[in-house]
Amino acid sequence: MTLRPALTSLVPGLFLVAASTSFAGWAEMQIERTVRNIAAVQSYHGVLEQQGLYGDDMVKSEIWFQRPHDFHSHTSAPASLAGSVTRYTGDTLMAWLPTLDIAVIIRNLPAAPAEQEAKRIEDAWRENTRRYFYALGNVSKVAGHDAIELKQKARNPDDLIQHSRTQVLDQYSFPLAGDISLHGGDGFSYRYQHIEFNQPITLPEAPTLPASAMQIEWDLDWPDASGDAVTARLPAIGKLPDALLGLPLQRRLIHPGALPAVAGYYSDGNYFVLLTAARDFGLPNPAPYGLDVTLGKDKPALLVLTPLINTWSFASSGVAWTVTSNQHPELIYSALRNKPGCASLC
């Protein structure tokens, strides 16, 4: 399963300026300011162009966001992705690719609690300042807004994001454009051609899927299966770990259809990881859309980032894995890199 949304930001607070914490209360003041800025964004609607996610083609998407977490992205270019939709509303996350006639749907996926947003922003802020150096640049116009340039450099040469240049709308701590270099040398760029904030918006209706569509569906309300049943369904996975990234295993799932697939849902009520595993048939992905990331020798992965969720897809030891989470992407990357398989991440 690979979700294919448009990139709008990596994580809240990725673009914050790091400085010496020797000043009493400096970090707490910056965190408070960032929480206030992000909370001020009640909605946005814009057109985003991205380069580096789909070969040499530019990916153009129209994006709607409405608090608390409603998100809809509609891709118009290139032609091979035209009409693709990524949508997260209520408790349903959907990715629909009409040119392939495939939809991935996750139902009963609880949204991160709104009352804990400040904690998530603080966690991201501290993770970013621990991992990256920052420097300020010039102010320029992006999509009609004044944006300040922020340069970022990884402290550790093994981190996922090695360098970036981001143009940030300071009023909302919102990245409007950027160029990012990843570990291994790959990179991408993005730029809003138009964006409006805090205007009344109505998200488009969810697409109506044709009867011919292949629907890969997971429902977190399916019965909790035993560990033995999960292993019997897909022996190659071994045993699902009891915890991932410090999050306890809440539910084991067995796909009820013919697809030989299982999943584990991990959550502490704020952060979550959905780990899915299916038999790897070795088929090439006809429409790879995302960032090429190497998790180890002969272990390429595809990474898709959205404002709230990041998704990783890769194959290992005869199993096709996906990891979908609202955790910081650097934490996911550190956990996945150089591991023989997801089941060893506990």
C-alpha atoms as a PDB file:
ATOM      1  CA  MET A   1       0.000   0.000   0.000  1.00  0.00           C
ATOM      2  CA  THR A   2       1.374   3.360  -1.021  1.00  0.00           C
ATOM      3  CA  LEU A   3      -0.486   6.560  -0.310  1.00  0.00           C
ATOM      4  CA  ARG A   4       0.009   9.308  -2.855  1.00  0.00           C
ATOM      5  CA  PRO A   5      -0.814  12.730  -1.454  1.00  0.00           C
ATOM      6  CA  ALA A   6       0.710  16.075  -2.234  1.00  0.00           C
ATOM      7  CA  LEU A   7       3.494  17.249   0.017  1.00  0.00           C
ATOM      8  CA  THR A   8       2.667  20.355   2.028  1.00  0.00           C
ATOM      9  CA  SER A   9       5.020  20.073   4.985  1.00  0.00           C
ATOM     10  CA  LEU A  10       7.153  17.477   6.649  1.00  0.00           C
ATOM     11  CA  VAL A  11       6.099  17.864  10.238  1.00  0.00           C
ATOM     12  CA  PRO A  12       4.862  20.813  12.272  1.00  0.00           C
ATOM     13  CA  GLY A  13       7.853  22.834  13.364  1.00  0.00           C
ATOM     14  CA  LEU A  14      10.329  21.418  10.838  1.00  0.00           C
ATOM     15  CA  PHE A  15      11.156  24.931   9.753  1.00  0.00           C
ATOM     16  CA  LEU A  16      11.760  26.473  13.154  1.00  0.00           C
ATOM     17  CA  VAL A  17      14.953  28.318  13.897  1.00  0.00           C
ATOM     18  CA  ALA A  18      17.341  26.599  16.275  1.00  0.00           C
ATOM     19  CA  ALA A  19      19.374  28.730  18.660  1.00  0.00           C
ATOM     20  CA  SER A  20      21.273  28.368  21.878  1.00  0.00           C
ATOM     21  CA  THR A  21      19.049  27.162  24.683  1.00  0.00           C
ATOM     22  CA  SER A  22      21.327  28.850  27.178  1.00  0.00           C
ATOM     23  CA  PHE A  23      18.812  31.694  27.290  1.00  0.00           C
ATOM     24  CA  ALA A  24      16.406  30.898  30.102  1.00  0.00           C
ATOM     25  CA  GLY A  25      13.018  29.929  28.760  1.00  0.00           C
ATOM     26  CA  TRP A  26      14.021  30.459  25.100  1.00  0.00           C
ATOM     27  CA  ALA A  27      12.875  27.033  23.922  1.00  0.00           C
ATOM     28  CA  GLU A  28       9.564  27.277  25.760  1.00  0.00           C
ATOM     29  CA  MET A  29       8.915  30.714  24.231  1.00  0.00           C
ATOM     30  CA  GLN A  30       9.616  29.426  20.713  1.00  0.00           C
ATOM     31  CA  ILE A  31       7.416  26.367  21.233  1.00  0.00           C
ATOM     32  CA  GLU A  32       4.579  28.527  22.545  1.00  0.00           C
ATOM     33  CA  ARG A  33       4.902  30.848  19.548  1.00  0.00           C
ATOM     34  CA  THR A  34       4.873  27.931  17.103  1.00  0.00           C
ATOM     35  CA  VAL A  35       1.830  26.366  18.746  1.00  0.00           C
ATOM     36  CA  ARG A  36       0.034  29.707  18.488  1.00  0.00           C
ATOM     37  CA  ASN A  37       1.009  30.193  14.826  1.00  0.00           C
ATOM     38  CA  ILE A  38      -0.103  26.729  13.742  1.00  0.00           C
ATOM     39  CA  ALA A  39      -3.327  26.936  15.750  1.00  0.00           C
ATOM     40  CA  ALA A  40      -4.185  30.132  13.861  1.00  0.00           C
ATOM     41  CA  VAL A  41      -4.520  28.174  10.616  1.00  0.00           C
ATOM     42  CA  GLN A  42      -8.151  27.091  10.501  1.00  0.00           C
ATOM     43  CA  SER A  43      -8.167  26.306   6.787  1.00  0.00           C
ATOM     44  CA  TYR A  44      -6.192  26.712   3.593  1.00  0.00           C
ATOM     45  CA  HIS A  45      -6.760  26.150  -0.112  1.00  0.00           C
ATOM     46  CA  GLY A  46      -3.975  26.206  -2.650  1.00  0.00           C
ATOM     47  CA  VAL A  47      -2.277  24.860  -5.748  1.00  0.00           C
ATOM     48  CA  LEU A  48       1.019  23.081  -5.181  1.00  0.00           C
ATOM     49  CA  GLU A  49       3.661  22.065  -7.714  1.00  0.00           C
ATOM     50  CA  GLN A  50       6.277  19.448  -6.848  1.00  0.00           C
ATOM     51  CA  GLN A  51       9.363  18.182  -8.661  1.00  0.00           C
ATOM     52  CA  GLY A  52      11.241  14.995  -7.875  1.00  0.00           C
ATOM     53  CA  LEU A  53       8.344  12.795  -6.747  1.00  0.00           C
ATOM     54  CA  TYR A  54       7.526  11.264 -10.136  1.00  0.00           C
ATOM     55  CA  GLY A  55      10.584  10.967 -12.334  1.00  0.00           C
ATOM     56  CA  ASP A  56      11.167  14.137 -14.320  1.00  0.00           C
ATOM     57  CA  ASP A  57       7.472  15.076 -14.368  1.00  0.00           C
ATOM     58  CA  MET A  58       6.063  17.962 -12.381  1.00  0.00           C
ATOM     59  CA  VAL A  59       3.189  16.953 -10.097  1.00  0.00           C
ATOM     60  CA  LYS A  60       0.450  19.569  -9.776  1.00  0.00           C
ATOM     61  CA  SER A  61      -2.243  19.268  -7.095  1.00  0.00           C
ATOM     62  CA  GLU A  62      -5.041  21.345  -5.644  1.00  0.00           C
ATOM     63  CA  ILE A  63      -5.261  21.042  -1.865  1.00  0.00           C
ATOM     64  CA  TRP A  64      -7.942  21.789   0.711  1.00  0.00           C
ATOM     65  CA  PHE A  65      -7.443  21.657   4.490  1.00  0.00           C
ATOM     66  CA  GLN A  66     -10.012  22.350   7.190  1.00  0.00           C
ATOM     67  CA  ARG A  67      -9.578  21.891  10.916  1.00  0.00           C
ATOM     68  CA  PRO A  68      -9.528  19.693  12.813  1.00  0.00           C
ATOM     69  CA  HIS A  69      -7.900  17.357  10.251  1.00  0.00           C
ATOM     70  CA  ASP A  70      -9.931  17.273   7.024  1.00  0.00           C
ATOM     71  CA  PHE A  71      -7.609  17.071   4.013  1.00  0.00           C
ATOM     72  CA  HIS A  72      -8.317  16.609   0.295  1.00  0.00           C
ATOM     73  CA  SER A  73      -5.761  16.618  -2.515  1.00  0.00           C
ATOM     74  CA  HIS A  74      -6.662  16.353  -6.212  1.00  0.00           C
ATOM     75  CA  THR A  75      -3.845  15.832  -8.736  1.00  0.00           C
ATOM     76  CA  SER A  76      -4.197  17.202 -12.267  1.00  0.00           C
ATOM     77  CA  ALA A  77      -0.724  16.572 -13.726  1.00  0.00           C
ATOM     78  CA  PRO A  78       0.995  14.576 -15.080  1.00  0.00           C
ATOM     79  CA  ALA A  79      -1.583  12.766 -17.204  1.00  0.00           C
ATOM     80  CA  SER A  80      -0.639   9.377 -15.737  1.00  0.00           C
ATOM     81  CA  LEU A  81      -1.725  10.620 -12.277  1.00  0.00           C
ATOM     82  CA  ALA A  82      -4.584  12.888 -13.336  1.00  0.00           C
ATOM     83  CA  GLY A  83      -7.631  12.567 -11.105  1.00  0.00           C
ATOM     84  CA  SER A  84      -5.748  10.975  -8.218  1.00  0.00           C
ATOM     85  CA  VAL A  85      -7.200  11.865  -4.827  1.00  0.00           C
ATOM     86  CA  THR A  86      -5.866  11.602  -1.304  1.00  0.00           C
ATOM     87  CA  ARG A  87      -8.463  12.342   1.350  1.00  0.00           C
ATOM     88  CA  TYR A  88      -8.608  12.143   5.153  1.00  0.00           C
ATOM     89  CA  THR A  89     -11.942  13.107   6.666  1.00  0.00           C
ATOM     90  CA  GLY A  90     -13.730  11.832   9.744  1.00  0.00           C
ATOM     91  CA  ASP A  91     -12.064   8.513  10.449  1.00  0.00           C
ATOM     92  CA  THR A  92     -11.396   7.450   6.841  1.00  0.00           C
ATOM     93  CA  LEU A  93      -8.144   7.812   4.894  1.00  0.00           C
ATOM     94  CA  MET A  94      -8.389   7.184   1.138  1.00  0.00           C
ATOM     95  CA  ALA A  95      -5.985   7.182  -1.790  1.00  0.00           C
ATOM     96  CA  TRP A  96      -7.604   6.774  -5.212  1.00  0.00           C
ATOM     97  CA  LEU A  97      -5.702   6.347  -8.488  1.00  0.00           C
ATOM     98  CA  PRO A  98      -8.227   6.327 -11.341  1.00  0.00           C
ATOM     99  CA  THR A  99      -5.628   5.736 -14.050  1.00  0.00           C
ATOM    100  CA  LEU A 100      -4.800   2.422 -12.342  1.00  0.00           C
ATOM    101  CA  ASP A 101      -8.337   1.786 -11.047  1.00  0.00           C
ATOM    102  CA  ILE A 102      -6.951   1.163  -7.541  1.00  0.00           C
ATOM    103  CA  ALA A 103      -8.075   2.593  -4.195  1.00  0.00           C
ATOM    104  CA  VAL A 104      -6.526   2.148  -0.758  1.00  0.00           C
ATOM    105  CA  ILE A 105      -8.912   2.850   2.126  1.00  0.00           C
ATOM    106  CA  ILE A 106      -8.261   2.803   5.879  1.00  0.00           C
ATOM    107  CA  ARG A 107     -11.435   3.012   7.951  1.00  0.00           C
ATOM    108  CA  ASN A 108     -11.909   3.856  11.633  1.00  0.00           C
ATOM    109  CA  LEU A 109      -8.481   5.481  11.842  1.00  0.00           C
ATOM    110  CA  PRO A 110      -8.855   7.843  14.804  1.00  0.00           C
ATOM    111  CA  ALA A 111      -7.563  11.365  14.361  1.00  0.00           C
ATOM    112  CA  ALA A 112      -4.830  12.540  16.688  1.00  0.00           C
ATOM    113  CA  PRO A 113      -6.534  14.263  19.641  1.00  0.00           C
ATOM    114  CA  ALA A 114      -6.907  17.993  19.086  1.00  0.00           C
ATOM    115  CA  GLU A 115      -6.273  18.658  22.767  1.00  0.00           C
ATOM    116  CA  GLN A 116      -2.790  17.131  22.409  1.00  0.00           C
ATOM    117  CA  GLU A 117      -1.754  19.171  19.367  1.00  0.00           C
ATOM    118  CA  ALA A 118       0.495  21.399  21.479  1.00  0.00           C
ATOM    119  CA  LYS A 119       2.377  18.342  22.729  1.00  0.00           C
ATOM    120  CA  ARG A 120       2.856  17.020  19.188  1.00  0.00           C
ATOM    121  CA  ILE A 121       4.199  20.383  18.058  1.00  0.00           C
ATOM    122  CA  GLU A 122       6.531  20.545  21.048  1.00  0.00           C
ATOM    123  CA  ASP A 123       7.784  17.012  20.374  1.00  0.00           C
ATOM    124  CA  ALA A 124       8.448  17.870  16.712  1.00  0.00           C
ATOM    125  CA  TRP A 125      10.142  21.151  17.645  1.00  0.00           C
ATOM    126  CA  ARG A 126      12.509  19.447  20.092  1.00  0.00           C
ATOM    127  CA  GLU A 127      13.255  16.636  17.637  1.00  0.00           C
ATOM    128  CA  ASN A 128      14.068  19.153  14.911  1.00  0.00           C
ATOM    129  CA  THR A 129      16.336  21.329  17.039  1.00  0.00           C
ATOM    130  CA  ARG A 130      18.131  18.201  18.249  1.00  0.00           C
ATOM    131  CA  ARG A 131      18.766  16.987  14.697  1.00  0.00           C
ATOM    132  CA  TYR A 132      19.332  20.116  12.585  1.00  0.00           C
ATOM    133  CA  PHE A 133      21.283  23.355  12.397  1.00  0.00           C
ATOM    134  CA  TYR A 134      19.329  26.374  11.084  1.00  0.00           C
ATOM    135  CA  ALA A 135      20.167  29.749   9.553  1.00  0.00           C
ATOM    136  CA  LEU A 136      17.968  32.582   8.295  1.00  0.00           C
ATOM    137  CA  GLY A 137      18.115  34.071   4.797  1.00  0.00           C
ATOM    138  CA  ASN A 138      16.306  36.755   2.841  1.00  0.00           C
ATOM    139  CA  VAL A 139      12.609  37.594   2.559  1.00  0.00           C
ATOM    140  CA  SER A 140      10.951  37.004  -0.826  1.00  0.00           C
ATOM    141  CA  LYS A 141       7.488  36.623  -2.330  1.00  0.00           C
ATOM    142  CA  VAL A 142       5.933  33.172  -2.711  1.00  0.00           C
ATOM    143  CA  ALA A 143       2.348  32.859  -3.955  1.00  0.00           C
ATOM    144  CA  GLY A 144       1.812  36.515  -3.054  1.00  0.00           C
ATOM    145  CA  HIS A 145       3.025  36.123   0.542  1.00  0.00           C
ATOM    146  CA  ASP A 146       6.196  37.403   2.209  1.00  0.00           C
ATOM    147  CA  ALA A 147       8.305  34.375   3.083  1.00  0.00           C
ATOM    148  CA  ILE A 148      11.570  34.199   4.985  1.00  0.00           C
ATOM    149  CA  GLU A 149      14.240  31.757   3.819  1.00  0.00           C
ATOM    150  CA  LEU A 150      15.325  29.132   6.334  1.00  0.00           C
ATOM    151  CA  LYS A 151      18.357  26.933   5.712  1.00  0.00           C
ATOM    152  CA  GLN A 152      18.571  23.573   7.441  1.00  0.00           C
ATOM    153  CA  LYS A 153      21.499  21.172   7.780  1.00  0.00           C
ATOM    154  CA  ALA A 154      21.562  17.795   9.498  1.00  0.00           C
ATOM    155  CA  ARG A 155      23.859  17.388  12.485  1.00  0.00           C
ATOM    156  CA  ASN A 156      24.157  13.659  11.708  1.00  0.00           C
ATOM    157  CA  PRO A 157      25.224  12.523   8.201  1.00  0.00           C
ATOM    158  CA  ASP A 158      22.942   9.482   8.555  1.00  0.00           C
ATOM    159  CA  ASP A 159      19.712  11.437   9.064  1.00  0.00           C
ATOM    160  CA  LEU A 160      17.056  11.411   6.350  1.00  0.00           C
ATOM    161  CA  ILE A 161      16.967  15.149   5.567  1.00  0.00           C
ATOM    162  CA  GLN A 162      20.520  16.363   4.982  1.00  0.00           C
ATOM    163  CA  HIS A 163      19.958  19.865   3.628  1.00  0.00           C
ATOM    164  CA  SER A 164      16.985  22.051   2.898  1.00  0.00           C
ATOM    165  CA  ARG A 165      16.127  25.585   1.916  1.00  0.00           C
ATOM    166  CA  THR A 166      12.593  26.473   2.937  1.00  0.00           C
ATOM    167  CA  GLN A 167      10.613  29.670   2.373  1.00  0.00           C
ATOM    168  CA  VAL A 168       8.325  30.068   5.366  1.00  0.00           C
ATOM    169  CA  LEU A 169       5.268  32.233   5.948  1.00  0.00           C
ATOM    170  CA  ASP A 170       6.242  33.315   9.444  1.00  0.00           C
ATOM    171  CA  GLN A 171       2.731  34.353  10.476  1.00  0.00           C
ATOM    172  CA  TYR A 172       1.588  30.724  10.407  1.00  0.00           C
ATOM    173  CA  SER A 173       4.953  28.880  10.536  1.00  0.00           C
ATOM    174  CA  PHE A 174       3.910  27.450   7.166  1.00  0.00           C
ATOM    175  CA  PRO A 175       6.364  26.309   4.436  1.00  0.00           C
ATOM    176  CA  LEU A 176       5.373  27.792   1.071  1.00  0.00           C
ATOM    177  CA  ALA A 177       8.299  26.495  -1.000  1.00  0.00           C
ATOM    178  CA  GLY A 178      11.457  24.518  -0.538  1.00  0.00           C
ATOM    179  CA  ASP A 179      14.300  22.411  -1.881  1.00  0.00           C
ATOM    180  CA  ILE A 180      15.272  19.335   0.103  1.00  0.00           C
ATOM    181  CA  SER A 181      18.236  16.939  -0.213  1.00  0.00           C
ATOM    182  CA  LEU A 182      17.882  13.487   1.313  1.00  0.00           C
ATOM    183  CA  HIS A 183      20.398  10.988   2.618  1.00  0.00           C
ATOM    184  CA  GLY A 184      21.900   9.293  -0.431  1.00  0.00           C
ATOM    185  CA  GLY A 185      21.692  12.374  -2.632  1.00  0.00           C
ATOM    186  CA  ASP A 186      18.108  12.322  -3.911  1.00  0.00           C
ATOM    187  CA  GLY A 187      16.023  15.427  -3.505  1.00  0.00           C
ATOM    188  CA  PHE A 188      12.881  17.251  -4.459  1.00  0.00           C
ATOM    189  CA  SER A 189      11.355  20.704  -4.543  1.00  0.00           C
ATOM    190  CA  TYR A 190       7.897  22.147  -3.999  1.00  0.00           C
ATOM    191  CA  ARG A 191       6.229  25.507  -4.377  1.00  0.00           C
ATOM    192  CA  TYR A 192       2.726  26.846  -3.858  1.00  0.00           C
ATOM    193  CA  GLN A 193       1.589  28.772  -6.912  1.00  0.00           C
ATOM    194  CA  HIS A 194      -1.449  30.021  -5.017  1.00  0.00           C
ATOM    195  CA  ILE A 195      -2.678  29.642  -1.440  1.00  0.00           C
ATOM    196  CA  GLU A 196      -5.266  31.350   0.778  1.00  0.00           C
ATOM    197  CA  PHE A 197      -5.633  30.926   4.516  1.00  0.00           C
ATOM    198  CA  ASN A 198      -8.647  31.026   6.818  1.00  0.00           C
ATOM    199  CA  GLN A 199     -11.229  31.571   4.109  1.00  0.00           C
ATOM    200  CA  PRO A 200     -14.533  29.650   4.094  1.00  0.00           C
ATOM    201  CA  ILE A 201     -13.957  26.419   2.162  1.00  0.00           C
ATOM    202  CA  THR A 202     -15.892  23.312   1.313  1.00  0.00           C
ATOM    203  CA  LEU A 203     -13.956  20.142   0.670  1.00  0.00           C
ATOM    204  CA  PRO A 204     -14.845  18.357  -2.559  1.00  0.00           C
ATOM    205  CA  GLU A 205     -16.965  15.250  -2.257  1.00  0.00           C
ATOM    206  CA  ALA A 206     -15.201  11.928  -1.962  1.00  0.00           C
ATOM    207  CA  PRO A 207     -14.788  10.250  -5.351  1.00  0.00           C
ATOM    208  CA  THR A 208     -17.340   7.624  -6.323  1.00  0.00           C
ATOM    209  CA  LEU A 209     -15.413   4.465  -7.071  1.00  0.00           C
ATOM    210  CA  PRO A 210     -16.453   2.455 -10.115  1.00  0.00           C
ATOM    211  CA  ALA A 211     -17.466  -1.174  -9.729  1.00  0.00           C
ATOM    212  CA  SER A 212     -14.287  -2.154 -11.565  1.00  0.00           C
ATOM    213  CA  ALA A 213     -11.996  -0.536  -8.969  1.00  0.00           C
ATOM    214  CA  MET A 214      -9.658  -2.727  -6.982  1.00  0.00           C
ATOM    215  CA  GLN A 215     -10.217  -1.667  -3.375  1.00  0.00           C
ATOM    216  CA  ILE A 216      -7.551  -2.521  -0.805  1.00  0.00           C
ATOM    217  CA  GLU A 217      -9.345  -1.828   2.444  1.00  0.00           C
ATOM    218  CA  TRP A 218      -8.336  -2.001   6.102  1.00  0.00           C
ATOM    219  CA  ASP A 219     -10.764  -1.441   8.940  1.00  0.00           C
ATOM    220  CA  LEU A 220      -9.379  -0.931  12.432  1.00  0.00           C
ATOM    221  CA  ASP A 221     -12.682  -2.162  13.843  1.00  0.00           C
ATOM    222  CA  TRP A 222     -12.112  -5.643  12.468  1.00  0.00           C
ATOM    223  CA  PRO A 223     -11.767  -8.287  15.222  1.00  0.00           C
ATOM    224  CA  ASP A 224      -8.504  -8.436  17.112  1.00  0.00           C
ATOM    225  CA  ALA A 225      -6.758 -11.608  15.892  1.00  0.00           C
ATOM    226  CA  SER A 226      -4.348 -13.741  17.870  1.00  0.00           C
ATOM    227  CA  GLY A 227      -0.634 -13.710  17.163  1.00  0.00           C
ATOM    228  CA  ASP A 228      -0.756 -17.329  16.000  1.00  0.00           C
ATOM    229  CA  ALA A 229      -3.585 -16.553  13.570  1.00  0.00           C
ATOM    230  CA  VAL A 230      -1.650 -13.632  12.112  1.00  0.00           C
ATOM    231  CA  THR A 231       1.471 -15.755  11.628  1.00  0.00           C
ATOM    232  CA  ALA A 232      -0.564 -18.550  10.039  1.00  0.00           C
ATOM    233  CA  ARG A 233      -2.070 -16.055   7.578  1.00  0.00           C
ATOM    234  CA  LEU A 234       1.365 -14.803   6.501  1.00  0.00           C
ATOM    235  CA  PRO A 235       4.142 -17.053   7.849  1.00  0.00           C
ATOM    236  CA  ALA A 236       6.943 -14.988   6.294  1.00  0.00           C
ATOM    237  CA  ILE A 237       6.412 -12.125   8.758  1.00  0.00           C
ATOM    238  CA  GLY A 238       7.354 -14.184  11.794  1.00  0.00           C
ATOM    239  CA  LYS A 239       5.804 -12.432  14.790  1.00  0.00           C
ATOM    240  CA  LEU A 240       4.468  -8.892  14.908  1.00  0.00           C
ATOM    241  CA  PRO A 241       6.429  -6.861  17.465  1.00  0.00           C
ATOM    242  CA  ASP A 242       4.703  -6.044  20.733  1.00  0.00           C
ATOM    243  CA  ALA A 243       5.698  -2.374  20.363  1.00  0.00           C
ATOM    244  CA  LEU A 244       6.910   0.014  17.662  1.00  0.00           C
ATOM    245  CA  LEU A 245       8.665   3.301  18.412  1.00  0.00           C
ATOM    246  CA  GLY A 246       7.556   2.914  22.005  1.00  0.00           C
ATOM    247  CA  LEU A 247       3.885   2.503  21.037  1.00  0.00           C
ATOM    248  CA  PRO A 248       2.075  -0.620  22.313  1.00  0.00           C
ATOM    249  CA  LEU A 249       0.359  -3.054  19.954  1.00  0.00           C
ATOM    250  CA  GLN A 250      -3.369  -2.363  20.210  1.00  0.00           C
ATOM    251  CA  ARG A 251      -4.831  -4.637  17.536  1.00  0.00           C
ATOM    252  CA  ARG A 252      -3.783  -7.409  15.148  1.00  0.00           C
ATOM    253  CA  LEU A 253      -5.728  -7.523  11.888  1.00  0.00           C
ATOM    254  CA  ILE A 254      -6.188 -10.208   9.246  1.00  0.00           C
ATOM    255  CA  HIS A 255      -7.416  -9.120   5.827  1.00  0.00           C
ATOM    256  CA  PRO A 256     -10.681 -11.003   5.254  1.00  0.00           C
ATOM    257  CA  GLY A 257     -10.332 -11.267   1.471  1.00  0.00           C
ATOM    258  CA  ALA A 258      -8.126 -13.402  -0.715  1.00  0.00           C
ATOM    259  CA  LEU A 259      -5.210 -11.010  -0.259  1.00  0.00           C
ATOM    260  CA  PRO A 260      -2.636 -12.732   1.991  1.00  0.00           C
ATOM    261  CA  ALA A 261      -2.140  -9.745   4.252  1.00  0.00           C
ATOM    262  CA  VAL A 262      -2.067  -8.817   7.939  1.00  0.00           C
ATOM    263  CA  ALA A 263      -1.579  -5.651   9.964  1.00  0.00           C
ATOM    264  CA  GLY A 264      -0.714  -4.358  13.388  1.00  0.00           C
ATOM    265  CA  TYR A 265      -2.050  -1.104  14.856  1.00  0.00           C
ATOM    266  CA  TYR A 266       0.142   0.568  17.492  1.00  0.00           C
ATOM    267  CA  SER A 267      -0.961   3.614  19.468  1.00  0.00           C
ATOM    268  CA  ASP A 268      -0.664   5.456  22.767  1.00  0.00           C
ATOM    269  CA  GLY A 269      -3.842   7.446  22.063  1.00  0.00           C
ATOM    270  CA  ASN A 270      -1.879  10.312  20.494  1.00  0.00           C
ATOM    271  CA  TYR A 271       0.723   8.851  18.132  1.00  0.00           C
ATOM    272  CA  PHE A 272       0.071   5.780  16.003  1.00  0.00           C
ATOM    273  CA  VAL A 273       1.738   3.366  13.590  1.00  0.00           C
ATOM    274  CA  LEU A 274      -0.204   1.139  11.198  1.00  0.00           C
ATOM    275  CA  LEU A 275       2.064  -1.660  10.010  1.00  0.00           C
ATOM    276  CA  THR A 276       0.741  -3.724   7.089  1.00  0.00           C
ATOM    277  CA  ALA A 277       2.342  -6.790   5.552  1.00  0.00           C
ATOM    278  CA  ALA A 278       1.378  -8.675   2.402  1.00  0.00           C
ATOM    279  CA  ARG A 279       2.981 -11.342   0.269  1.00  0.00           C
ATOM    280  CA  ASP A 280       5.457  -9.748  -2.115  1.00  0.00           C
ATOM    281  CA  PHE A 281       4.652 -10.893  -5.635  1.00  0.00           C
ATOM    282  CA  GLY A 282       7.610  -8.964  -7.043  1.00  0.00           C
ATOM    283  CA  LEU A 283       5.486  -6.873  -9.370  1.00  0.00           C
ATOM    284  CA  PRO A 284       6.824  -3.434 -10.330  1.00  0.00           C
ATOM    285  CA  ASN A 285       4.840  -0.452  -9.138  1.00  0.00           C
ATOM    286  CA  PRO A 286       3.346   0.995 -12.348  1.00  0.00           C
ATOM    287  CA  ALA A 287       2.975   4.501 -10.883  1.00  0.00           C
ATOM    288  CA  PRO A 288       5.602   5.114  -8.196  1.00  0.00           C
ATOM    289  CA  TYR A 289       4.861   8.484  -6.624  1.00  0.00           C
ATOM    290  CA  GLY A 290       6.968   9.571  -3.687  1.00  0.00           C
ATOM    291  CA  LEU A 291      10.505  10.078  -2.477  1.00  0.00           C
ATOM    292  CA  ASP A 292      13.063   7.391  -3.202  1.00  0.00           C
ATOM    293  CA  VAL A 293      14.726   6.467   0.085  1.00  0.00           C
ATOM    294  CA  THR A 294      17.232   3.706   0.772  1.00  0.00           C
ATOM    295  CA  LEU A 295      16.718   1.850   4.045  1.00  0.00           C
ATOM    296  CA  GLY A 296      19.794  -0.323   3.613  1.00  0.00           C
ATOM    297  CA  LYS A 297      21.631  -2.411   1.074  1.00  0.00           C
ATOM    298  CA  ASP A 298      19.234  -3.531  -1.679  1.00  0.00           C
ATOM    299  CA  LYS A 299      16.291  -2.160   0.316  1.00  0.00           C
ATOM    300  CA  PRO A 300      14.739   0.770  -1.572  1.00  0.00           C
ATOM    301  CA  ALA A 301      11.626   2.408  -0.169  1.00  0.00           C
ATOM    302  CA  LEU A 302       9.040   4.902  -1.331  1.00  0.00           C
ATOM    303  CA  LEU A 303       8.177   7.691   1.111  1.00  0.00           C
ATOM    304  CA  VAL A 304       5.071   9.890   0.918  1.00  0.00           C
ATOM    305  CA  LEU A 305       4.658  12.855   3.265  1.00  0.00           C
ATOM    306  CA  THR A 306       1.523  14.819   4.135  1.00  0.00           C
ATOM    307  CA  PRO A 307       0.919  17.457   6.822  1.00  0.00           C
ATOM    308  CA  LEU A 308      -0.297  14.845   9.302  1.00  0.00           C
ATOM    309  CA  ILE A 309       0.887  11.413   8.160  1.00  0.00           C
ATOM    310  CA  ASN A 310       3.910   9.811   6.499  1.00  0.00           C
ATOM    311  CA  THR A 311       3.840   6.463   4.687  1.00  0.00           C
ATOM    312  CA  TRP A 312       6.761   4.169   3.841  1.00  0.00           C
ATOM    313  CA  SER A 313       6.547   1.228   1.397  1.00  0.00           C
ATOM    314  CA  PHE A 314       9.237  -1.377   0.795  1.00  0.00           C
ATOM    315  CA  ALA A 315       9.824  -5.114   0.358  1.00  0.00           C
ATOM    316  CA  SER A 316      11.960  -7.414   2.478  1.00  0.00           C
ATOM    317  CA  SER A 317      12.321 -11.209   2.720  1.00  0.00           C
ATOM    318  CA  GLY A 318       9.310 -11.944   0.525  1.00  0.00           C
ATOM    319  CA  VAL A 319       7.022  -9.467   2.312  1.00  0.00           C
ATOM    320  CA  ALA A 320       5.700  -6.124   1.033  1.00  0.00           C
ATOM    321  CA  TRP A 321       5.546  -3.772   4.029  1.00  0.00           C
ATOM    322  CA  THR A 322       3.987  -0.387   4.628  1.00  0.00           C
ATOM    323  CA  VAL A 323       4.387   1.818   7.673  1.00  0.00           C
ATOM    324  CA  THR A 324       1.855   4.640   8.079  1.00  0.00           C
ATOM    325  CA  SER A 325       2.306   6.962  11.051  1.00  0.00           C
ATOM    326  CA  ASN A 326       1.968  10.454  12.506  1.00  0.00           C
ATOM    327  CA  GLN A 327       5.360  10.075  14.198  1.00  0.00           C
ATOM    328  CA  HIS A 328       8.283  12.282  13.136  1.00  0.00           C
ATOM    329  CA  PRO A 329       9.625  10.899   9.808  1.00  0.00           C
ATOM    330  CA  GLU A 330      13.211  10.903  11.110  1.00  0.00           C
ATOM    331  CA  LEU A 331      12.152   8.529  13.899  1.00  0.00           C
ATOM    332  CA  ILE A 332      10.543   6.187  11.362  1.00  0.00           C
ATOM    333  CA  TYR A 333      13.610   6.375   9.143  1.00  0.00           C
ATOM    334  CA  SER A 334      15.963   5.574  12.020  1.00  0.00           C
ATOM    335  CA  ALA A 335      13.828   2.587  13.004  1.00  0.00           C
ATOM    336  CA  LEU A 336      13.528   1.159   9.483  1.00  0.00           C
ATOM    337  CA  ARG A 337      17.049   1.720   8.206  1.00  0.00           C
ATOM    338  CA  ASN A 338      19.283  -1.332   7.867  1.00  0.00           C
ATOM    339  CA  LYS A 339      16.728  -3.646   9.465  1.00  0.00           C
ATOM    340  CA  PRO A 340      16.088  -6.992   7.750  1.00  0.00           C
ATOM    341  CA  GLY A 341      12.346  -6.539   8.123  1.00  0.00           C
ATOM    342  CA  CYS A 342       9.718  -4.573  10.004  1.00  0.00           C
ATOM    343  CA  ALA A 343       9.146  -7.392  12.464  1.00  0.00           C
ATOM    344  CA  SER A 344      12.579  -6.683  13.920  1.00  0.00           C
ATOM    345  CA  LEU A 345      11.703  -3.114  14.907  1.00  0.00           C
ATOM    346  CA  CYS A 346      10.458  -3.794  18.425  1.00  0.00           C
END
